[in-house]
């Protein structure tokens, strides 16, 4: 999983990223998209928005949303969010060996990079061997490619000028979707930076293609290339003239010439600008739904409802017992609370999710109980035996008392040593839904005697605490979702880059002394390995059912609400195939502007 939102097919294997922001369509008054139009240059364009600036233009180093890569890169294969099937992308075909240990891909003829240079098998081999599989480069992509207990990586080699072979050490069920959908990167632009070391002995690639890089220096293979980036204002994409797709009549795709992302600070601003007709689409949050629904006809737009979204929302506690430079990452007193499963279960019972759905989500959502998306064939429902935590404050109090906590004469919760239970809950600022959820959680938990300091933070500060300094106590966030559970291996492997509730330092980060892995954590990691190895679908489902039962028993994540996937789109777009997995513009190459 990544700390981001699923945007386009090239990102389909990374349901790992924090869903801190949702794509909305907006512009701010000073940066209205009409300012980019002139009588001499009226081009078909789509205007959307994001809530914060991109953090890097280097795909391998990205683990956050927003990012540009769903528009700018493709892999060997892609995934249809209409059918859920794997489809050809840069590779026109592939053949899997009888023993399921090899896949040979055949590239399309005439592929080119955005600078006109040929895209070849050598680029594929470079991308995997020199970047994704290179241990000197810290990339989340590598985690989802690890196979079996040995955590071995695939072997990638050139067969001939159009064919490339991937070999795995054992059968790996998600191999096609997870491994070979990763974006292919340009060897001619990046190879030197991978092989050249800086003064610290690290590849120069680690500082390559930052957000300060001039757009014309970025070489891509997707439907769009970056044309312009104005910090804190906008990101502009232009159609890639060398993109490989053509329609049935031989016309080049995509049809939309330009895409503009306006950078705004809040979803409120997004709504105002959409209603002023400066925009083409906006993510519809529950608090906006009724207002926008009344304006559909007048505003000449349609609200699409894809049903329960694929992503998750949850509260988690920092379970890390380790130290840095001799100092505990988490106050030892609070760490004992957080690492008590009955404490976490009490918190789960103490949060009124149905009221959250009724009030914050205006009824446009369902209780969430699983890390696996409801669209996935591996999802285990409560009807099938998945443990749930319906609101029950009395049961929460019973669990706390069983765990040795008591209540003083003011009904404040105290541990066995008389320490008042008091912790800080973080989330990202600027997201009204997230902020409303946090406010309710604070209020709900006060009813079982807990004092919660709810603190929304700026995105950069928030992510630094969560993934770098590890200086946090509790957090409210979410992850993207998808069909293949192994896309979450980065979360559930104890060594994974997004094992955020008990994070082991990643490459380049300061070491942690005394980091511990619990038996249930280890068991989940082992089951994910087994699930990836198992080719029998019935057996795979059983394995992932067990992982969901363990997560719900031990609650590394306390799941909250599965909101409906809603977007408003202007009626001038033709070819929208809205889905909860991909949204409105996952098939951007097919979409036309009709008026």
Protein backbone atom coordinates (compact mmCIF):
# COMPACT_ATOMS: atom_id res chain seq x y z
CA UNK A 1 0.00 0.00 0.00
CA UNK A 2 1.02 3.44 -0.50
CA UNK A 3 0.33 6.69 1.21
CA UNK A 4 -1.86 7.79 -1.60
CA UNK A 5 -4.93 7.31 -3.67
CA UNK A 6 -5.42 4.98 -6.60
CA UNK A 7 -5.41 7.21 -9.66
CA UNK A 8 -4.90 5.33 -12.91
CA UNK A 9 -4.08 1.76 -14.04
CA UNK A 10 -0.31 2.23 -13.86
CA UNK A 11 -0.67 2.45 -10.08
CA UNK A 12 -3.01 -0.50 -9.69
CA UNK A 13 -0.60 -2.65 -7.73
CA UNK A 14 0.01 -0.07 -5.06
CA UNK A 15 -3.03 0.04 -2.83
CA UNK A 16 -0.57 0.86 -0.18
CA UNK A 17 -0.26 4.73 0.19
CA UNK A 18 -2.07 6.91 2.85
CA UNK A 19 -5.34 8.27 1.54
CA UNK A 20 -4.80 11.70 2.91
CA UNK A 21 -6.31 13.57 0.00
CA UNK A 22 -8.87 12.81 -2.64
CA UNK A 23 -8.70 13.98 -6.21
CA UNK A 24 -11.08 16.84 -6.61
CA UNK A 25 -11.63 19.24 -9.43
CA UNK A 26 -11.04 22.84 -8.68
CA UNK A 27 -9.22 26.04 -9.30
CA UNK A 28 -8.52 28.98 -7.11
CA UNK A 29 -9.61 32.39 -8.29
CA UNK A 30 -6.11 33.60 -9.05
CA UNK A 31 -5.31 30.40 -10.93
CA UNK A 32 -8.53 29.80 -12.82
CA UNK A 33 -8.01 27.38 -15.73
CA UNK A 34 -9.57 29.91 -18.09
CA UNK A 35 -6.40 31.92 -17.60
CA UNK A 36 -4.62 29.26 -19.64
CA UNK A 37 -6.91 29.67 -22.62
CA UNK A 38 -6.57 32.17 -25.43
CA UNK A 39 -8.34 32.82 -28.68
CA UNK A 40 -5.43 31.22 -30.49
CA UNK A 41 -5.14 28.16 -28.32
CA UNK A 42 -8.35 26.47 -27.27
CA UNK A 43 -7.42 22.86 -26.54
CA UNK A 44 -9.50 19.99 -25.16
CA UNK A 45 -8.62 19.91 -21.48
CA UNK A 46 -9.65 18.37 -18.18
CA UNK A 47 -9.32 20.37 -14.96
CA UNK A 48 -9.04 18.59 -11.62
CA UNK A 49 -7.45 19.39 -8.29
CA UNK A 50 -5.21 18.00 -5.61
CA UNK A 51 -4.83 19.06 -1.98
CA UNK A 52 -1.04 19.29 -1.82
CA UNK A 53 2.04 19.45 -4.01
CA UNK A 54 3.72 16.37 -5.48
CA UNK A 55 6.73 15.28 -3.42
CA UNK A 56 8.91 13.83 -6.19
CA UNK A 57 8.93 13.18 -9.92
CA UNK A 58 10.96 9.99 -9.39
CA UNK A 59 8.54 7.07 -9.47
CA UNK A 60 10.78 4.60 -7.64
CA UNK A 61 11.13 6.96 -4.66
CA UNK A 62 7.46 7.86 -4.41
CA UNK A 63 5.24 6.52 -1.64
CA UNK A 64 2.70 9.28 -1.36
CA UNK A 65 -0.25 10.94 -3.00
CA UNK A 66 -0.52 13.15 -4.92
CA UNK A 67 1.86 11.89 -7.57
CA UNK A 68 2.01 12.29 -11.32
CA UNK A 69 2.79 8.71 -12.30
CA UNK A 70 -0.64 7.36 -13.16
CA UNK A 71 -0.69 9.81 -16.06
CA UNK A 72 2.96 9.65 -17.07
CA UNK A 73 3.96 5.97 -16.91
CA UNK A 74 2.82 2.50 -17.89
CA UNK A 75 4.07 -1.00 -17.26
CA UNK A 76 4.08 -4.17 -19.32
CA UNK A 77 0.47 -4.86 -18.39
CA UNK A 78 -2.42 -2.89 -16.94
CA UNK A 79 -5.74 -3.68 -15.32
CA UNK A 80 -9.27 -2.88 -16.45
CA UNK A 81 -11.32 -1.37 -13.66
CA UNK A 82 -14.40 -2.26 -15.68
CA UNK A 83 -13.76 -6.02 -15.86
CA UNK A 84 -11.01 -6.52 -13.25
CA UNK A 85 -8.97 -8.38 -15.88
CA UNK A 86 -5.30 -7.97 -16.75
CA UNK A 87 -4.81 -6.36 -20.16
CA UNK A 88 -1.77 -5.72 -22.39
CA UNK A 89 -0.01 -2.37 -22.11
CA UNK A 90 3.61 -1.95 -23.27
CA UNK A 91 3.68 -5.71 -23.79
CA UNK A 92 1.34 -6.92 -26.52
CA UNK A 93 1.32 -10.49 -25.18
CA UNK A 94 2.85 -12.88 -22.67
CA UNK A 95 3.30 -16.61 -22.16
CA UNK A 96 3.42 -18.39 -18.80
CA UNK A 97 5.42 -21.62 -18.54
CA UNK A 98 3.71 -24.87 -17.53
CA UNK A 99 5.49 -24.90 -14.16
CA UNK A 100 4.34 -21.29 -13.51
CA UNK A 101 7.91 -20.17 -12.88
CA UNK A 102 8.51 -18.10 -16.01
CA UNK A 103 6.65 -15.42 -17.93
CA UNK A 104 7.96 -14.21 -21.27
CA UNK A 105 6.60 -10.85 -22.45
CA UNK A 106 6.69 -9.61 -26.01
CA UNK A 107 6.88 -5.84 -26.35
CA UNK A 108 4.86 -3.92 -28.91
CA UNK A 109 6.73 -2.76 -31.97
CA UNK A 110 7.70 0.87 -32.32
CA UNK A 111 7.37 1.93 -28.69
CA UNK A 112 8.93 5.32 -27.90
CA UNK A 113 9.69 7.52 -24.94
CA UNK A 114 8.30 11.04 -24.75
CA UNK A 115 11.57 12.39 -26.18
CA UNK A 116 11.21 10.18 -29.25
CA UNK A 117 13.86 7.65 -28.23
CA UNK A 118 12.97 3.94 -28.71
CA UNK A 119 11.54 2.09 -25.71
CA UNK A 120 13.10 -1.37 -25.75
CA UNK A 121 13.60 -4.57 -23.78
CA UNK A 122 16.78 -2.99 -22.44
CA UNK A 123 14.62 -0.39 -20.65
CA UNK A 124 12.57 -3.17 -19.04
CA UNK A 125 15.67 -5.02 -17.84
CA UNK A 126 17.19 -1.76 -16.56
CA UNK A 127 14.00 -0.79 -14.72
CA UNK A 128 13.82 -4.04 -12.81
CA UNK A 129 17.44 -5.03 -12.29
CA UNK A 130 18.97 -1.58 -11.79
CA UNK A 131 16.13 0.16 -9.95
CA UNK A 132 13.33 -1.97 -8.47
CA UNK A 133 15.56 -4.91 -7.50
CA UNK A 134 18.57 -2.77 -6.56
CA UNK A 135 18.96 -2.86 -2.77
CA UNK A 136 20.80 0.48 -2.85
CA UNK A 137 17.55 2.13 -3.90
CA UNK A 138 14.83 2.30 -1.21
CA UNK A 139 11.61 1.67 -3.12
CA UNK A 140 8.27 0.31 -1.96
CA UNK A 141 7.92 -1.42 -5.32
CA UNK A 142 10.44 -4.05 -4.30
CA UNK A 143 8.42 -5.17 -1.27
CA UNK A 144 5.46 -6.41 -3.29
CA UNK A 145 7.80 -8.40 -5.55
CA UNK A 146 9.33 -10.49 -2.77
CA UNK A 147 8.46 -14.16 -2.95
CA UNK A 148 8.19 -16.90 -0.32
CA UNK A 149 9.87 -17.23 3.07
CA UNK A 150 13.20 -16.47 1.45
CA UNK A 151 11.76 -13.14 0.25
CA UNK A 152 13.62 -13.71 -3.00
CA UNK A 153 13.07 -11.40 -5.93
CA UNK A 154 12.36 -12.32 -9.56
CA UNK A 155 15.14 -12.70 -12.09
CA UNK A 156 14.71 -10.55 -15.18
CA UNK A 157 16.66 -11.08 -18.38
CA UNK A 158 16.54 -10.16 -22.04
CA UNK A 159 15.55 -12.92 -24.45
CA UNK A 160 15.85 -10.94 -27.68
CA UNK A 161 15.06 -7.47 -28.99
CA UNK A 162 11.36 -7.77 -28.25
CA UNK A 163 11.10 -10.37 -25.50
CA UNK A 164 11.94 -10.26 -21.81
CA UNK A 165 11.75 -13.15 -19.34
CA UNK A 166 10.78 -13.04 -15.67
CA UNK A 167 11.66 -16.04 -13.49
CA UNK A 168 10.41 -16.63 -9.96
CA UNK A 169 11.82 -19.14 -7.43
CA UNK A 170 8.39 -20.69 -6.77
CA UNK A 171 4.84 -20.27 -8.09
CA UNK A 172 3.62 -16.77 -7.24
CA UNK A 173 -0.11 -16.27 -7.77
CA UNK A 174 -0.14 -12.45 -7.99
CA UNK A 175 2.97 -12.36 -10.18
CA UNK A 176 1.28 -11.04 -13.31
CA UNK A 177 -0.71 -8.25 -11.63
CA UNK A 178 1.71 -7.29 -8.88
CA UNK A 179 5.13 -7.55 -10.46
CA UNK A 180 4.82 -6.83 -14.14
CA UNK A 181 2.46 -3.86 -13.94
CA UNK A 182 5.14 -1.62 -12.45
CA UNK A 183 6.03 1.37 -14.63
CA UNK A 184 8.95 1.01 -17.01
CA UNK A 185 11.58 3.76 -16.66
CA UNK A 186 14.02 5.12 -19.27
CA UNK A 187 17.53 3.67 -19.19
CA UNK A 188 18.97 6.36 -21.44
CA UNK A 189 17.92 9.07 -18.98
CA UNK A 190 18.53 7.35 -15.65
CA UNK A 191 21.21 4.67 -16.00
CA UNK A 192 24.14 7.01 -15.38
CA UNK A 193 22.60 8.32 -12.15
CA UNK A 194 22.10 4.76 -10.87
CA UNK A 195 25.71 3.78 -11.47
CA UNK A 196 27.30 7.05 -10.32
CA UNK A 197 27.76 7.48 -6.56
CA UNK A 198 27.61 10.72 -4.60
CA UNK A 199 30.09 11.77 -1.90
CA UNK A 200 28.31 9.52 0.61
CA UNK A 201 28.63 6.48 -1.64
CA UNK A 202 24.93 6.45 -2.55
CA UNK A 203 23.54 6.38 -6.10
CA UNK A 204 22.92 9.84 -7.53
CA UNK A 205 19.58 8.40 -8.60
CA UNK A 206 18.31 9.10 -5.06
CA UNK A 207 18.33 12.83 -5.86
CA UNK A 208 17.34 12.47 -9.51
CA UNK A 209 14.10 13.97 -10.82
CA UNK A 210 13.05 15.95 -7.78
CA UNK A 211 10.15 18.39 -8.04
CA UNK A 212 12.71 21.06 -9.00
CA UNK A 213 13.53 19.22 -12.22
CA UNK A 214 12.47 21.14 -15.35
CA UNK A 215 9.50 19.32 -16.91
CA UNK A 216 11.23 18.90 -20.27
CA UNK A 217 13.92 16.82 -18.56
CA UNK A 218 11.41 14.19 -17.40
CA UNK A 219 11.20 11.28 -19.85
CA UNK A 220 7.97 9.26 -19.68
CA UNK A 221 5.98 6.64 -21.58
CA UNK A 222 2.41 7.25 -20.42
CA UNK A 223 -0.47 9.08 -22.08
CA UNK A 224 0.72 12.43 -20.74
CA UNK A 225 3.97 14.21 -20.02
CA UNK A 226 4.56 16.96 -17.52
CA UNK A 227 4.41 20.38 -19.16
CA UNK A 228 4.55 22.73 -16.20
CA UNK A 229 4.66 22.73 -12.42
CA UNK A 230 4.06 25.87 -10.37
CA UNK A 231 4.63 25.14 -6.70
CA UNK A 232 1.47 25.40 -4.60
CA UNK A 233 -0.50 26.46 -7.68
CA UNK A 234 -0.86 23.89 -10.43
CA UNK A 235 0.50 20.88 -12.31
CA UNK A 236 -0.11 20.84 -16.08
CA UNK A 237 0.15 17.77 -18.31
CA UNK A 238 0.26 17.70 -22.10
CA UNK A 239 -0.62 14.74 -24.30
CA UNK A 240 2.42 12.59 -25.05
CA UNK A 241 2.74 12.57 -28.88
CA UNK A 242 4.70 9.31 -28.75
CA UNK A 243 2.16 7.38 -26.68
CA UNK A 244 1.47 3.99 -28.24
CA UNK A 245 -2.33 3.72 -28.07
CA UNK A 246 -4.57 4.25 -31.08
CA UNK A 247 -8.30 3.73 -31.44
CA UNK A 248 -10.00 1.33 -33.86
CA UNK A 249 -9.81 3.95 -36.63
CA UNK A 250 -6.10 4.50 -36.09
CA UNK A 251 -6.47 7.85 -34.35
CA UNK A 252 -3.88 8.56 -31.64
CA UNK A 253 -5.00 8.47 -28.02
CA UNK A 254 -5.61 10.05 -25.58
CA UNK A 255 -8.08 12.50 -27.08
CA UNK A 256 -7.87 15.11 -24.32
CA UNK A 257 -4.92 17.37 -25.07
CA UNK A 258 -4.23 18.85 -21.65
CA UNK A 259 -4.90 18.03 -17.99
CA UNK A 260 -4.61 20.64 -15.26
CA UNK A 261 -4.37 19.86 -11.56
CA UNK A 262 -5.02 22.91 -9.43
CA UNK A 263 -3.43 22.72 -5.99
CA UNK A 264 -5.82 23.83 -3.25
CA UNK A 265 -5.77 23.71 0.51
CA UNK A 266 -9.19 22.27 1.23
CA UNK A 267 -12.14 20.38 -0.18
CA UNK A 268 -14.32 23.42 0.61
CA UNK A 269 -12.41 25.46 -1.95
CA UNK A 270 -12.81 22.60 -4.40
CA UNK A 271 -16.57 22.61 -4.00
CA UNK A 272 -16.87 26.38 -4.47
CA UNK A 273 -14.85 26.31 -7.65
CA UNK A 274 -16.73 23.34 -9.10
CA UNK A 275 -20.03 25.11 -8.49
CA UNK A 276 -18.66 28.22 -10.25
CA UNK A 277 -18.17 26.07 -13.39
CA UNK A 278 -14.42 26.62 -13.51
CA UNK A 279 -13.87 22.88 -13.19
CA UNK A 280 -14.71 19.59 -14.79
CA UNK A 281 -14.93 17.17 -11.89
CA UNK A 282 -14.92 17.08 -8.11
CA UNK A 283 -14.78 14.30 -5.58
CA UNK A 284 -18.14 14.30 -3.80
CA UNK A 285 -17.79 14.02 -0.07
CA UNK A 286 -20.88 13.13 1.96
CA UNK A 287 -21.32 16.65 3.31
CA UNK A 288 -21.55 17.98 -0.25
CA UNK A 289 -23.75 15.27 -1.72
CA UNK A 290 -27.22 16.71 -1.05
CA UNK A 291 -26.25 20.17 -2.25
CA UNK A 292 -24.69 18.92 -5.47
CA UNK A 293 -27.45 16.40 -6.15
CA UNK A 294 -29.97 19.25 -6.34
CA UNK A 295 -27.78 21.06 -8.87
CA UNK A 296 -27.05 18.19 -11.28
CA UNK A 297 -29.37 19.38 -14.07
CA UNK A 298 -28.74 23.08 -13.62
CA UNK A 299 -24.99 22.57 -13.42
CA UNK A 300 -24.92 20.12 -16.36
CA UNK A 301 -23.06 17.41 -14.47
CA UNK A 302 -23.71 13.92 -13.15
CA UNK A 303 -22.85 12.40 -9.78
CA UNK A 304 -21.45 8.90 -10.23
CA UNK A 305 -21.77 6.39 -7.37
CA UNK A 306 -19.48 3.38 -7.54
CA UNK A 307 -20.67 1.88 -4.26
CA UNK A 308 -18.25 1.17 -1.39
CA UNK A 309 -14.84 2.58 -2.16
CA UNK A 310 -11.87 0.25 -2.37
CA UNK A 311 -9.83 2.09 0.24
CA UNK A 312 -9.80 1.88 4.02
CA UNK A 313 -10.04 4.31 6.91
CA UNK A 314 -8.75 3.46 10.36
CA UNK A 315 -7.20 4.45 13.65
CA UNK A 316 -3.86 2.91 14.59
CA UNK A 317 -1.56 3.13 17.57
CA UNK A 318 2.22 3.22 17.47
CA UNK A 319 3.09 -0.27 18.74
CA UNK A 320 6.84 0.18 18.27
CA UNK A 321 8.73 -0.70 21.48
CA UNK A 322 12.10 0.33 20.06
CA UNK A 323 14.48 3.16 20.85
CA UNK A 324 16.51 5.62 18.84
CA UNK A 325 19.70 6.99 20.35
CA UNK A 326 18.64 5.39 23.62
CA UNK A 327 15.29 7.21 23.72
CA UNK A 328 12.01 5.26 23.40
CA UNK A 329 10.02 6.13 20.30
CA UNK A 330 6.85 5.97 22.40
CA UNK A 331 6.48 6.89 26.08
CA UNK A 332 6.85 3.49 27.82
CA UNK A 333 3.72 4.10 29.89
CA UNK A 334 1.62 4.74 26.78
CA UNK A 335 3.37 1.97 24.89
CA UNK A 336 2.11 -0.52 27.48
CA UNK A 337 -1.45 0.71 26.89
CA UNK A 338 -1.19 0.59 23.11
CA UNK A 339 0.36 -2.88 23.08
CA UNK A 340 -2.46 -4.31 25.19
CA UNK A 341 -4.91 -5.94 22.77
CA UNK A 342 -7.81 -5.44 25.19
CA UNK A 343 -7.04 -1.70 25.18
CA UNK A 344 -7.23 -1.63 21.38
CA UNK A 345 -10.41 -3.70 21.37
CA UNK A 346 -11.95 -1.32 23.90
CA UNK A 347 -11.15 1.60 21.60
CA UNK A 348 -12.82 -0.28 18.73
CA UNK A 349 -15.96 -0.86 20.78
CA UNK A 350 -15.83 2.74 21.98
CA UNK A 351 -16.11 4.32 18.51
CA UNK A 352 -19.68 4.79 17.28
CA UNK A 353 -19.21 4.00 13.60
CA UNK A 354 -22.91 4.04 12.76
CA UNK A 355 -23.28 7.57 14.11
CA UNK A 356 -20.17 8.49 12.13
CA UNK A 357 -21.88 7.12 9.00
CA UNK A 358 -25.16 8.87 9.75
CA UNK A 359 -23.66 12.25 10.62
CA UNK A 360 -20.27 12.72 8.98
CA UNK A 361 -20.98 10.50 5.95
CA UNK A 362 -24.69 11.44 5.65
CA UNK A 363 -25.53 7.74 5.33
CA UNK A 364 -23.23 7.36 2.32
CA UNK A 365 -21.07 4.55 3.64
CA UNK A 366 -20.92 1.25 5.47
CA UNK A 367 -19.05 0.00 8.54
CA UNK A 368 -15.61 -1.32 7.61
CA UNK A 369 -14.09 -4.40 9.19
CA UNK A 370 -11.42 -5.69 6.83
CA UNK A 371 -8.15 -4.57 5.26
CA UNK A 372 -9.21 -6.26 2.01
CA UNK A 373 -11.49 -4.37 -0.38
CA UNK A 374 -15.08 -5.53 -0.64
CA UNK A 375 -14.58 -5.84 -4.42
CA UNK A 376 -11.87 -8.46 -3.95
CA UNK A 377 -12.80 -12.15 -4.26
CA UNK A 378 -10.73 -12.67 -1.09
CA UNK A 379 -12.80 -10.36 1.09
CA UNK A 380 -14.23 -12.03 4.19
CA UNK A 381 -17.58 -10.58 5.23
CA UNK A 382 -19.02 -10.49 8.76
CA UNK A 383 -21.65 -12.96 7.54
CA UNK A 384 -18.79 -15.37 6.80
CA UNK A 385 -17.45 -15.06 10.34
CA UNK A 386 -15.31 -11.92 10.39
CA UNK A 387 -15.16 -10.38 13.87
CA UNK A 388 -16.78 -6.95 14.17
CA UNK A 389 -16.84 -4.21 16.78
CA UNK A 390 -20.29 -2.65 16.91
CA UNK A 391 -20.54 0.31 19.25
CA UNK A 392 -20.68 -0.95 22.83
CA UNK A 393 -19.14 1.41 25.42
CA UNK A 394 -20.07 -0.87 28.31
CA UNK A 395 -18.19 -3.75 26.73
CA UNK A 396 -15.27 -1.38 26.16
CA UNK A 397 -15.22 -0.52 29.87
CA UNK A 398 -15.37 -4.19 30.82
CA UNK A 399 -12.35 -4.96 28.62
CA UNK A 400 -10.41 -2.07 30.12
CA UNK A 401 -11.14 -3.20 33.67
CA UNK A 402 -10.13 -6.73 32.73
CA UNK A 403 -6.83 -5.31 31.46
CA UNK A 404 -6.16 -3.64 34.83
CA UNK A 405 -7.47 -0.14 34.16
CA UNK A 406 -9.73 1.63 36.64
CA UNK A 407 -11.94 4.70 36.76
CA UNK A 408 -11.43 7.51 39.27
CA UNK A 409 -14.22 9.53 40.88
CA UNK A 410 -14.38 11.75 37.79
CA UNK A 411 -14.88 8.69 35.53
CA UNK A 412 -11.43 9.24 34.05
CA UNK A 413 -9.58 6.11 32.95
CA UNK A 414 -6.35 5.30 34.76
CA UNK A 415 -3.88 2.46 34.42
CA UNK A 416 -2.81 0.24 37.31
CA UNK A 417 -0.16 2.79 38.32
CA UNK A 418 -2.62 5.66 38.45
CA UNK A 419 -1.58 7.22 35.13
CA UNK A 420 -4.44 9.01 33.41
CA UNK A 421 -5.05 7.62 29.89
CA UNK A 422 -4.25 10.52 27.61
CA UNK A 423 -2.84 10.39 24.09
CA UNK A 424 -2.59 12.44 20.89
CA UNK A 425 -4.44 11.43 17.71
CA UNK A 426 -2.97 12.85 14.49
CA UNK A 427 -4.37 13.22 11.00
CA UNK A 428 -3.88 15.46 7.97
CA UNK A 429 -5.39 18.92 7.97
CA UNK A 430 -7.59 20.26 5.17
CA UNK A 431 -9.86 17.22 4.84
CA UNK A 432 -13.19 18.06 6.48
CA UNK A 433 -14.38 14.45 6.58
CA UNK A 434 -11.18 13.27 8.24
CA UNK A 435 -11.32 16.13 10.71
CA UNK A 436 -14.96 15.40 11.55
CA UNK A 437 -14.12 11.73 12.10
CA UNK A 438 -11.32 12.66 14.45
CA UNK A 439 -13.52 15.02 16.42
CA UNK A 440 -16.13 12.32 16.91
CA UNK A 441 -13.50 9.77 17.95
CA UNK A 442 -12.25 12.22 20.57
CA UNK A 443 -15.79 12.63 21.90
CA UNK A 444 -16.63 8.91 21.76
CA UNK A 445 -13.50 7.86 23.62
CA UNK A 446 -14.10 10.47 26.30
CA UNK A 447 -17.23 8.48 27.18
CA UNK A 448 -15.02 5.55 28.17
CA UNK A 449 -12.70 7.79 30.15
CA UNK A 450 -9.93 8.43 27.61
CA UNK A 451 -8.58 11.91 26.97
CA UNK A 452 -7.70 12.34 23.30
CA UNK A 453 -5.90 15.38 21.91
CA UNK A 454 -7.00 15.42 18.27
CA UNK A 455 -4.40 17.26 16.20
CA UNK A 456 -4.64 17.70 12.40
CA UNK A 457 -1.23 18.50 10.91
CA UNK A 458 0.07 19.80 7.61
CA UNK A 459 0.74 16.95 5.20
CA UNK A 460 4.53 17.15 5.20
CA UNK A 461 4.77 17.34 8.98
CA UNK A 462 2.31 14.48 9.34
CA UNK A 463 4.04 12.09 6.97
CA UNK A 464 7.45 12.87 8.45
CA UNK A 465 6.23 11.83 11.89
CA UNK A 466 4.53 8.73 10.58
CA UNK A 467 7.26 7.32 8.35
CA UNK A 468 10.55 9.00 9.28
CA UNK A 469 10.83 10.23 12.87
CA UNK A 470 8.21 7.69 14.07
CA UNK A 471 7.36 10.27 16.74
CA UNK A 472 3.62 9.73 17.12
CA UNK A 473 1.14 7.96 19.40
CA UNK A 474 -2.10 7.40 17.46
CA UNK A 475 -3.14 8.29 13.95
CA UNK A 476 -6.24 8.48 11.74
CA UNK A 477 -5.65 7.71 8.08
CA UNK A 478 -6.29 5.19 5.34
CA UNK A 479 -4.86 3.08 2.54
CA UNK A 480 -5.88 2.51 -1.02
CA UNK A 481 -7.35 -0.84 -2.06
CA UNK A 482 -7.67 -3.28 -4.91
CA UNK A 483 -8.46 -6.78 -6.03
CA UNK A 484 -5.19 -8.53 -5.14
CA UNK A 485 -4.42 -8.91 -1.41
CA UNK A 486 -0.70 -9.30 -2.02
CA UNK A 487 -0.63 -5.66 -3.08
CA UNK A 488 -0.77 -5.09 0.68
CA UNK A 489 2.32 -7.19 1.41
CA UNK A 490 4.18 -3.96 2.05
CA UNK A 491 1.85 -3.34 4.98
CA UNK A 492 1.66 -6.83 6.45
CA UNK A 493 5.26 -7.98 6.13
CA UNK A 494 6.98 -7.00 9.41
CA UNK A 495 9.86 -5.62 7.36
CA UNK A 496 7.54 -3.85 4.91
CA UNK A 497 7.89 -0.16 4.17
CA UNK A 498 4.29 0.47 5.25
CA UNK A 499 4.14 -1.76 8.32
CA UNK A 500 3.36 1.55 9.96
CA UNK A 501 1.93 0.37 13.28
CA UNK A 502 5.31 -1.19 14.14
CA UNK A 503 7.66 0.33 11.61
CA UNK A 504 11.15 -1.01 11.14
CA UNK A 505 13.48 1.67 9.73
CA UNK A 506 13.86 1.62 5.98
CA UNK A 507 17.01 2.12 3.94
CA UNK A 508 18.72 5.37 4.82
CA UNK A 509 16.86 5.85 8.13
CA UNK A 510 18.36 5.81 11.62
CA UNK A 511 18.50 2.42 13.29
CA UNK A 512 16.08 1.33 16.01
CA UNK A 513 17.27 -0.63 19.02
CA UNK A 514 14.95 -3.19 20.57
CA UNK A 515 12.43 -3.45 17.74
CA UNK A 516 10.12 -6.43 18.40
CA UNK A 517 7.73 -8.42 16.22
CA UNK A 518 4.73 -10.04 17.93
CA UNK A 519 3.71 -13.62 17.09
CA UNK A 520 0.49 -12.45 15.42
CA UNK A 521 2.41 -9.96 13.25
CA UNK A 522 4.76 -12.72 12.19
CA UNK A 523 1.82 -15.04 11.49
CA UNK A 524 0.12 -12.52 9.19
CA UNK A 525 3.38 -12.04 7.30
CA UNK A 526 3.72 -15.82 6.89
CA UNK A 527 0.14 -16.15 5.67
CA UNK A 528 0.69 -13.48 3.05
CA UNK A 529 3.63 -15.48 1.79
CA UNK A 530 1.49 -18.63 1.68
CA UNK A 531 -1.34 -16.80 -0.05
CA UNK A 532 0.96 -15.53 -2.75
CA UNK A 533 2.35 -19.03 -3.30
CA UNK A 534 -1.01 -20.80 -3.47
CA UNK A 535 -2.46 -21.15 -6.98
CA UNK A 536 -5.71 -22.84 -5.94
CA UNK A 537 -8.26 -20.02 -5.61
CA UNK A 538 -10.34 -21.72 -2.91
CA UNK A 539 -7.24 -22.29 -0.79
CA UNK A 540 -6.06 -18.72 -1.37
CA UNK A 541 -9.39 -17.40 -0.14
CA UNK A 542 -9.10 -19.50 3.01
CA UNK A 543 -5.59 -18.18 3.70
CA UNK A 544 -6.59 -14.55 3.32
CA UNK A 545 -9.70 -15.20 5.42
CA UNK A 546 -7.38 -16.19 8.25
CA UNK A 547 -5.34 -13.01 7.86
CA UNK A 548 -8.50 -10.93 8.17
CA UNK A 549 -9.57 -12.83 11.28
CA UNK A 550 -6.16 -12.20 12.88
CA UNK A 551 -6.20 -8.50 12.04
CA UNK A 552 -9.68 -8.10 13.51
CA UNK A 553 -8.73 -9.96 16.67
CA UNK A 554 -5.51 -8.03 17.27
CA UNK A 555 -6.49 -4.69 15.71
CA UNK A 556 -3.26 -3.20 14.41
CA UNK A 557 -5.76 -1.06 12.48
CA UNK A 558 -9.15 -0.20 13.97
CA UNK A 559 -11.29 0.06 10.84
CA UNK A 560 -13.96 2.70 10.65
CA UNK A 561 -16.11 3.50 7.60
CA UNK A 562 -16.13 2.34 4.00
CA UNK A 563 -17.40 5.47 2.24
CA UNK A 564 -19.13 5.30 -1.11
CA UNK A 565 -17.06 6.26 -4.13
CA UNK A 566 -18.69 9.43 -5.48
CA UNK A 567 -17.63 11.93 -8.11
CA UNK A 568 -19.35 14.71 -10.01
CA UNK A 569 -18.33 15.01 -13.67
CA UNK A 570 -19.41 17.52 -16.30
CA UNK A 571 -21.64 16.03 -18.94
CA UNK A 572 -19.31 17.11 -21.74
CA UNK A 573 -17.14 14.04 -21.22
CA UNK A 574 -17.90 10.91 -23.23
CA UNK A 575 -16.60 7.45 -22.35
CA UNK A 576 -16.76 7.62 -18.54
CA UNK A 577 -16.74 4.09 -17.05
CA UNK A 578 -16.96 4.98 -13.40
CA UNK A 579 -15.85 2.41 -10.83
CA UNK A 580 -15.00 2.38 -7.15
CA UNK A 581 -11.59 0.95 -8.02
CA UNK A 582 -10.58 3.49 -10.65
CA UNK A 583 -12.88 6.47 -10.34
CA UNK A 584 -14.07 8.49 -13.32
CA UNK A 585 -10.92 8.84 -15.41
CA UNK A 586 -9.06 5.53 -15.04
CA UNK A 587 -9.57 5.01 -18.82
CA UNK A 588 -8.33 8.49 -19.67
CA UNK A 589 -7.11 7.44 -23.12
CA UNK A 590 -10.68 6.62 -24.23
CA UNK A 591 -12.45 9.71 -22.90
CA UNK A 592 -13.53 12.44 -25.30
CA UNK A 593 -14.83 15.95 -24.84
CA UNK A 594 -18.06 16.30 -26.80
CA UNK A 595 -19.05 19.92 -26.18
